[in-house]
């Protein structure tokens, strides 16, 4: 089912919303309500078109990513994605070559007690994971077979040098705009045919001010837990980036807080929380929309609406400082538990009240 919602303004963007399944529709609905309010406050417009992906698409079209949805996404300014359990997401990433996945992790001061990291280790933590997203083990040859009488399965981690080089350039560009340090996650002691370090070093010749720190991925995971302050930008392949960036949820206090942007070479992007479908709470109205809102913030920055993005980030911080918590963040009787709808309403009110004139574009 497809329909459109127009939000009146001057600068106009076309957004495709793919709610998916599980908590996806709940968090996307919340994020779109907030986006509509930001558009009103900051003088731009968003035309939202809804499409099907995941299990709802399978039920109607027999596939998780139907051609009708693909055509809907063509020519859009972005895709706001909810969640799917299996089918649809890998196909979507591959169709639009969304090879560069950006996942920022910045712990919120008022939620430090929720982190698995000691509070003194969180000072100044601001990490950006850059994950290659359309190659590697998720896309390599795979299958099932029988060796004699013993069944077996296989998945192949395969990377073209050109694929490593192009994600390396993205990570180097990001590092150059930040603290100018890039950690390279690799496993070259066991996977020597995937020379991430050498290829990144060769690309880094054009970025002489960026310091490179190659690290075995198992050591990098340990260091993330022990001392996350040391990291700025972390570059990883698809599998390692998937696992390492989820550690960011433990650092931040909940995986429900983290968003992401997946971009192609033209800057076209898909924006999604990294928490998945959360089937245990789906339909209960208690999902945390902040991961999707963090993704909206990244989308606004990609569109050049940096003032609106900053307004959203600061309003959320104020709301958390006031003690409002979704179910995954409640830690004590002093916390003010709110469901998804109430959190969204409170955030919209906070956007209106939090020095709105200061954030006028």
Protein backbone atom coordinates (compact mmCIF):
# COMPACT_ATOMS: atom_id res chain seq x y z
CA UNK A 1 0.00 0.00 0.00
CA UNK A 2 1.41 3.38 -1.01
CA UNK A 3 0.32 6.83 0.01
CA UNK A 4 1.79 10.32 0.33
CA UNK A 5 1.94 12.96 3.02
CA UNK A 6 2.95 16.50 2.14
CA UNK A 7 4.62 18.86 4.65
CA UNK A 8 4.48 22.43 3.40
CA UNK A 9 7.71 24.43 3.14
CA UNK A 10 10.22 26.06 0.79
CA UNK A 11 13.12 23.61 0.41
CA UNK A 12 11.49 20.35 -0.64
CA UNK A 13 12.72 16.78 -0.20
CA UNK A 14 11.17 13.51 -1.27
CA UNK A 15 11.48 10.76 1.31
CA UNK A 16 10.52 7.10 0.96
CA UNK A 17 9.43 5.49 4.24
CA UNK A 18 9.82 1.71 4.46
CA UNK A 19 8.50 0.77 7.94
CA UNK A 20 9.00 -2.98 7.49
CA UNK A 21 7.98 -5.20 10.39
CA UNK A 22 8.34 -5.68 14.14
CA UNK A 23 8.87 -2.32 15.85
CA UNK A 24 9.79 -0.77 12.50
CA UNK A 25 6.36 0.82 11.84
CA UNK A 26 6.23 2.21 15.39
CA UNK A 27 9.62 3.94 15.31
CA UNK A 28 9.19 5.20 11.74
CA UNK A 29 5.80 6.72 12.62
CA UNK A 30 7.36 8.48 15.60
CA UNK A 31 10.30 9.77 13.58
CA UNK A 32 8.10 11.09 10.79
CA UNK A 33 5.96 12.99 13.30
CA UNK A 34 9.09 14.66 14.66
CA UNK A 35 10.42 15.32 11.15
CA UNK A 36 7.14 16.99 10.19
CA UNK A 37 7.44 19.31 13.19
CA UNK A 38 11.07 20.14 12.40
CA UNK A 39 10.10 20.95 8.82
CA UNK A 40 7.52 23.42 10.09
CA UNK A 41 9.99 25.03 12.50
CA UNK A 42 12.85 25.28 9.99
CA UNK A 43 11.07 26.15 6.75
CA UNK A 44 11.57 23.11 4.55
CA UNK A 45 9.16 20.52 3.23
CA UNK A 46 9.20 16.73 3.00
CA UNK A 47 6.98 14.65 0.76
CA UNK A 48 6.75 11.19 2.24
CA UNK A 49 5.84 8.13 0.18
CA UNK A 50 5.32 4.78 1.91
CA UNK A 51 6.40 1.42 0.50
CA UNK A 52 6.58 -2.23 1.51
CA UNK A 53 9.68 -4.20 2.51
CA UNK A 54 10.33 -7.35 4.50
CA UNK A 55 7.53 -9.66 5.57
CA UNK A 56 4.68 -7.28 4.53
CA UNK A 57 6.21 -7.21 1.03
CA UNK A 58 6.57 -11.00 1.00
CA UNK A 59 2.89 -11.37 1.84
CA UNK A 60 1.79 -9.04 -0.96
CA UNK A 61 4.47 -9.50 -3.63
CA UNK A 62 6.17 -12.79 -2.75
CA UNK A 63 9.54 -11.09 -2.19
CA UNK A 64 11.04 -8.96 0.57
CA UNK A 65 12.18 -6.22 -1.80
CA UNK A 66 9.74 -6.00 -4.71
CA UNK A 67 10.46 -4.08 -7.89
CA UNK A 68 7.60 -1.69 -7.04
CA UNK A 69 9.45 -0.61 -3.91
CA UNK A 70 12.74 -0.29 -5.80
CA UNK A 71 11.13 2.00 -8.38
CA UNK A 72 9.58 4.04 -5.58
CA UNK A 73 13.02 4.69 -4.12
CA UNK A 74 14.55 5.81 -7.41
CA UNK A 75 14.99 9.56 -7.56
CA UNK A 76 14.16 10.09 -3.89
CA UNK A 77 16.28 12.22 -1.57
CA UNK A 78 16.48 9.45 1.00
CA UNK A 79 14.94 6.30 2.47
CA UNK A 80 13.81 6.08 6.10
CA UNK A 81 13.91 2.40 7.03
CA UNK A 82 12.24 0.65 9.95
CA UNK A 83 13.31 -2.96 10.42
CA UNK A 84 13.05 -6.39 8.80
CA UNK A 85 13.81 -9.83 10.16
CA UNK A 86 15.22 -11.45 7.02
CA UNK A 87 14.25 -10.55 3.48
CA UNK A 88 14.67 -7.20 1.78
CA UNK A 89 17.47 -5.24 3.41
CA UNK A 90 20.51 -6.80 1.72
CA UNK A 91 18.76 -6.56 -1.63
CA UNK A 92 17.97 -2.89 -1.02
CA UNK A 93 21.56 -2.09 -0.09
CA UNK A 94 22.88 -3.89 -3.16
CA UNK A 95 20.33 -2.36 -5.57
CA UNK A 96 21.41 1.19 -4.76
CA UNK A 97 25.07 0.34 -4.01
CA UNK A 98 24.81 1.74 -0.48
CA UNK A 99 28.36 0.70 0.30
CA UNK A 100 29.29 3.24 3.00
CA UNK A 101 27.60 2.69 6.36
CA UNK A 102 28.20 5.40 8.98
CA UNK A 103 27.36 4.61 12.60
CA UNK A 104 28.21 7.33 15.17
CA UNK A 105 28.43 6.52 18.89
CA UNK A 106 28.32 9.42 21.34
CA UNK A 107 27.19 8.53 24.89
CA UNK A 108 24.58 10.87 26.38
CA UNK A 109 25.68 12.35 29.69
CA UNK A 110 22.39 11.65 31.47
CA UNK A 111 22.55 7.97 30.44
CA UNK A 112 26.12 7.20 31.50
CA UNK A 113 24.87 4.93 34.27
CA UNK A 114 23.34 2.71 31.56
CA UNK A 115 26.65 2.13 29.80
CA UNK A 116 28.65 -1.05 30.31
CA UNK A 117 31.75 1.15 30.46
CA UNK A 118 33.01 2.87 33.62
CA UNK A 119 31.81 6.52 33.64
CA UNK A 120 35.37 7.90 33.73
CA UNK A 121 36.10 6.00 30.50
CA UNK A 122 33.25 7.75 28.69
CA UNK A 123 34.64 11.30 28.84
CA UNK A 124 35.08 12.53 25.31
CA UNK A 125 33.94 9.30 23.65
CA UNK A 126 32.89 10.15 20.09
CA UNK A 127 33.35 7.23 17.69
CA UNK A 128 32.35 6.87 14.07
CA UNK A 129 32.19 3.36 12.63
CA UNK A 130 32.61 3.22 8.87
CA UNK A 131 31.43 -0.18 7.66
CA UNK A 132 31.60 -1.58 4.14
CA UNK A 133 28.05 -2.68 3.40
CA UNK A 134 27.57 -4.38 0.03
CA UNK A 135 30.30 -7.00 -0.15
CA UNK A 136 32.14 -9.46 2.08
CA UNK A 137 30.72 -12.58 3.66
CA UNK A 138 27.07 -11.50 3.43
CA UNK A 139 27.30 -11.33 -0.36
CA UNK A 140 29.92 -13.94 -1.25
CA UNK A 141 29.19 -17.43 -2.61
CA UNK A 142 27.33 -19.58 -0.08
CA UNK A 143 25.43 -22.81 0.09
CA UNK A 144 24.93 -26.25 1.56
CA UNK A 145 26.58 -29.46 0.45
CA UNK A 146 27.40 -33.02 1.46
CA UNK A 147 30.94 -34.33 1.91
CA UNK A 148 30.52 -38.07 1.84
CA UNK A 149 27.65 -38.50 4.28
CA UNK A 150 28.35 -35.33 6.31
CA UNK A 151 26.34 -32.20 5.42
CA UNK A 152 28.12 -28.85 5.59
CA UNK A 153 27.49 -25.18 4.89
CA UNK A 154 29.71 -22.35 3.68
CA UNK A 155 29.77 -18.58 3.30
CA UNK A 156 32.62 -16.86 1.48
CA UNK A 157 34.22 -13.60 2.58
CA UNK A 158 35.19 -12.07 -0.75
CA UNK A 159 36.38 -8.52 -1.42
CA UNK A 160 37.64 -6.86 -4.58
CA UNK A 161 40.58 -4.55 -3.89
CA UNK A 162 38.55 -1.73 -5.44
CA UNK A 163 35.79 -2.27 -2.86
CA UNK A 164 38.25 -1.95 0.01
CA UNK A 165 39.85 1.11 -1.57
CA UNK A 166 36.58 3.02 -2.01
CA UNK A 167 35.37 2.46 1.58
CA UNK A 168 38.88 3.37 2.74
CA UNK A 169 38.56 6.74 0.99
CA UNK A 170 35.25 7.39 2.75
CA UNK A 171 36.76 6.55 6.15
CA UNK A 172 39.83 8.70 5.46
CA UNK A 173 37.65 11.64 4.45
CA UNK A 174 35.60 11.27 7.64
CA UNK A 175 38.74 11.02 9.78
CA UNK A 176 40.21 14.11 8.13
CA UNK A 177 37.13 16.09 9.21
CA UNK A 178 37.40 14.83 12.80
CA UNK A 179 40.45 14.02 14.98
CA UNK A 180 42.48 12.63 12.04
CA UNK A 181 42.97 9.12 13.32
CA UNK A 182 41.72 5.98 11.62
CA UNK A 183 41.71 2.50 13.16
CA UNK A 184 41.62 -0.33 10.62
CA UNK A 185 39.90 -3.52 11.76
CA UNK A 186 41.43 -6.59 10.11
CA UNK A 187 42.25 -10.26 10.70
CA UNK A 188 45.25 -10.55 8.42
CA UNK A 189 47.02 -13.11 10.63
CA UNK A 190 44.29 -15.60 9.67
CA UNK A 191 42.94 -13.97 6.48
CA UNK A 192 46.08 -12.83 4.64
CA UNK A 193 44.39 -12.70 1.24
CA UNK A 194 42.31 -9.72 2.37
CA UNK A 195 45.02 -7.03 2.67
CA UNK A 196 42.97 -4.26 4.28
CA UNK A 197 45.98 -2.60 5.92
CA UNK A 198 48.08 -2.34 2.77
CA UNK A 199 45.23 -1.08 0.60
CA UNK A 200 44.13 1.52 3.15
CA UNK A 201 47.74 2.68 3.56
CA UNK A 202 48.01 3.16 -0.19
CA UNK A 203 44.82 5.26 -0.28
CA UNK A 204 46.03 7.19 2.76
CA UNK A 205 48.89 8.66 0.70
CA UNK A 206 46.35 11.32 -0.36
CA UNK A 207 45.54 12.01 3.33
CA UNK A 208 48.98 12.57 4.92
CA UNK A 209 47.48 14.25 8.00
CA UNK A 210 45.46 11.13 8.99
CA UNK A 211 47.22 8.69 11.32
CA UNK A 212 46.50 5.00 10.65
CA UNK A 213 46.23 2.41 13.42
CA UNK A 214 45.81 -1.14 12.05
CA UNK A 215 44.36 -3.46 14.70
CA UNK A 216 43.42 -7.12 14.74
CA UNK A 217 39.65 -7.15 15.10
CA UNK A 218 39.63 -9.24 18.29
CA UNK A 219 42.02 -6.81 19.97
CA UNK A 220 40.00 -3.87 18.68
CA UNK A 221 36.83 -5.32 20.24
CA UNK A 222 38.62 -5.70 23.57
CA UNK A 223 39.99 -2.15 23.39
CA UNK A 224 36.51 -0.80 22.64
CA UNK A 225 35.27 -2.26 25.90
CA UNK A 226 38.33 -1.32 27.97
CA UNK A 227 39.13 2.14 26.63
CA UNK A 228 36.75 3.54 23.98
CA UNK A 229 38.22 7.03 24.42
CA UNK A 230 41.19 6.11 22.23
CA UNK A 231 39.11 5.74 19.06
CA UNK A 232 38.01 8.32 16.53
CA UNK A 233 37.03 6.62 13.24
CA UNK A 234 36.98 2.83 12.92
CA UNK A 235 36.98 1.24 9.46
CA UNK A 236 35.77 -2.34 9.09
CA UNK A 237 34.45 -4.79 6.55
CA UNK A 238 30.86 -5.92 6.53
CA UNK A 239 30.96 -8.71 9.13
CA UNK A 240 33.45 -7.11 11.50
CA UNK A 241 31.71 -3.74 11.22
CA UNK A 242 28.36 -5.32 12.04
CA UNK A 243 29.70 -6.84 15.26
CA UNK A 244 31.96 -3.99 16.37
CA UNK A 245 29.35 -1.27 15.91
CA UNK A 246 26.88 -3.23 18.05
CA UNK A 247 29.40 -2.90 20.88
CA UNK A 248 28.60 0.79 20.48
CA UNK A 249 25.17 0.02 21.92
CA UNK A 250 26.81 -1.22 25.12
CA UNK A 251 28.96 1.92 25.23
CA UNK A 252 26.00 4.26 24.68
CA UNK A 253 23.72 2.41 27.12
CA UNK A 254 21.24 0.84 24.70
CA UNK A 255 21.35 -0.33 21.10
CA UNK A 256 18.02 1.50 20.78
CA UNK A 257 19.90 4.82 20.80
CA UNK A 258 22.00 4.26 17.70
CA UNK A 259 21.21 5.28 14.16
CA UNK A 260 23.02 4.91 10.86
CA UNK A 261 23.35 6.28 7.36
CA UNK A 262 24.12 4.05 4.38
CA UNK A 263 25.31 6.08 1.40
CA UNK A 264 26.29 5.42 -2.20
CA UNK A 265 28.85 7.33 -4.26
CA UNK A 266 26.25 9.96 -5.19
CA UNK A 267 25.34 10.70 -1.57
CA UNK A 268 21.95 8.99 -1.82
CA UNK A 269 21.18 7.35 1.50
CA UNK A 270 19.15 4.91 3.53
CA UNK A 271 18.71 5.85 7.18
CA UNK A 272 17.89 3.26 9.82
CA UNK A 273 18.27 2.40 13.49
CA UNK A 274 20.56 -0.57 14.07
CA UNK A 275 18.38 -2.39 16.63
CA UNK A 276 16.38 -4.71 14.36
CA UNK A 277 12.74 -5.81 14.65
CA UNK A 278 12.68 -6.46 18.44
CA UNK A 279 9.81 -8.99 18.14
CA UNK A 280 9.51 -9.34 21.93
CA UNK A 281 8.18 -5.79 22.25
CA UNK A 282 6.62 -5.27 18.80
CA UNK A 283 3.07 -3.96 19.00
CA UNK A 284 3.33 -2.98 22.66
CA UNK A 285 3.95 0.69 21.91
CA UNK A 286 7.08 0.87 24.08
CA UNK A 287 9.85 0.83 21.45
CA UNK A 288 12.60 3.40 21.72
CA UNK A 289 12.39 5.73 18.66
CA UNK A 290 15.73 7.41 19.36
CA UNK A 291 17.73 5.16 17.03
CA UNK A 292 15.47 6.14 14.15
CA UNK A 293 15.58 9.77 15.28
CA UNK A 294 19.39 9.59 15.30
CA UNK A 295 19.10 8.36 11.71
CA UNK A 296 16.84 11.32 10.87
CA UNK A 297 19.52 13.60 12.32
CA UNK A 298 22.09 12.05 9.95
CA UNK A 299 19.66 12.42 7.05
CA UNK A 300 19.07 16.10 7.82
CA UNK A 301 22.82 16.73 7.87
CA UNK A 302 23.19 14.93 4.54
CA UNK A 303 20.47 17.18 3.12
CA UNK A 304 22.26 20.28 4.39
CA UNK A 305 19.67 20.95 7.10
CA UNK A 306 22.29 21.13 9.83
CA UNK A 307 20.38 23.61 11.99
CA UNK A 308 17.36 21.33 12.18
CA UNK A 309 19.63 18.37 12.95
CA UNK A 310 21.27 20.26 15.83
CA UNK A 311 17.86 21.30 17.14
CA UNK A 312 16.73 17.68 17.19
CA UNK A 313 19.87 16.47 18.96
CA UNK A 314 19.72 19.16 21.66
CA UNK A 315 15.98 18.69 22.24
CA UNK A 316 16.49 14.97 22.80
CA UNK A 317 19.30 15.63 25.26
CA UNK A 318 17.08 18.03 27.21
CA UNK A 319 14.29 15.46 27.32
CA UNK A 320 16.64 12.78 28.64
CA UNK A 321 18.10 15.21 31.19
CA UNK A 322 14.52 15.78 32.41
CA UNK A 323 14.35 12.04 33.18
CA UNK A 324 12.08 10.79 30.40
CA UNK A 325 12.89 7.17 29.54
CA UNK A 326 11.58 4.52 27.20
CA UNK A 327 11.41 0.96 28.54
CA UNK A 328 14.96 -0.01 27.53
CA UNK A 329 16.42 2.95 29.42
CA UNK A 330 14.52 2.74 32.73
CA UNK A 331 17.00 2.05 35.53
CA UNK A 332 15.43 3.40 38.72
CA UNK A 333 12.18 4.57 40.30
CA UNK A 334 13.25 8.17 39.63
CA UNK A 335 13.10 7.64 35.86
CA UNK A 336 9.97 8.94 34.14
CA UNK A 337 8.83 6.01 32.02
CA UNK A 338 7.02 6.94 28.80
CA UNK A 339 5.81 4.83 25.90
CA UNK A 340 6.72 5.55 22.29
CA UNK A 341 3.78 7.87 21.66
CA UNK A 342 4.31 9.88 24.85
CA UNK A 343 8.05 10.21 24.22
CA UNK A 344 7.34 11.51 20.73
CA UNK A 345 4.79 14.02 22.02
CA UNK A 346 7.19 15.21 24.72
CA UNK A 347 9.98 15.60 22.15
CA UNK A 348 7.77 17.63 19.83
CA UNK A 349 6.85 19.86 22.74
CA UNK A 350 10.52 20.19 23.66
CA UNK A 351 11.35 21.18 20.08
CA UNK A 352 8.75 23.94 20.31
CA UNK A 353 9.90 25.16 23.70
CA UNK A 354 13.70 24.77 23.49
CA UNK A 355 14.70 28.22 22.35
CA UNK A 356 12.99 27.75 19.00
CA UNK A 357 14.09 31.18 17.78
CA UNK A 358 17.74 30.22 18.28
CA UNK A 359 17.35 27.40 15.77
CA UNK A 360 15.51 29.26 13.02
CA UNK A 361 17.21 28.60 9.67
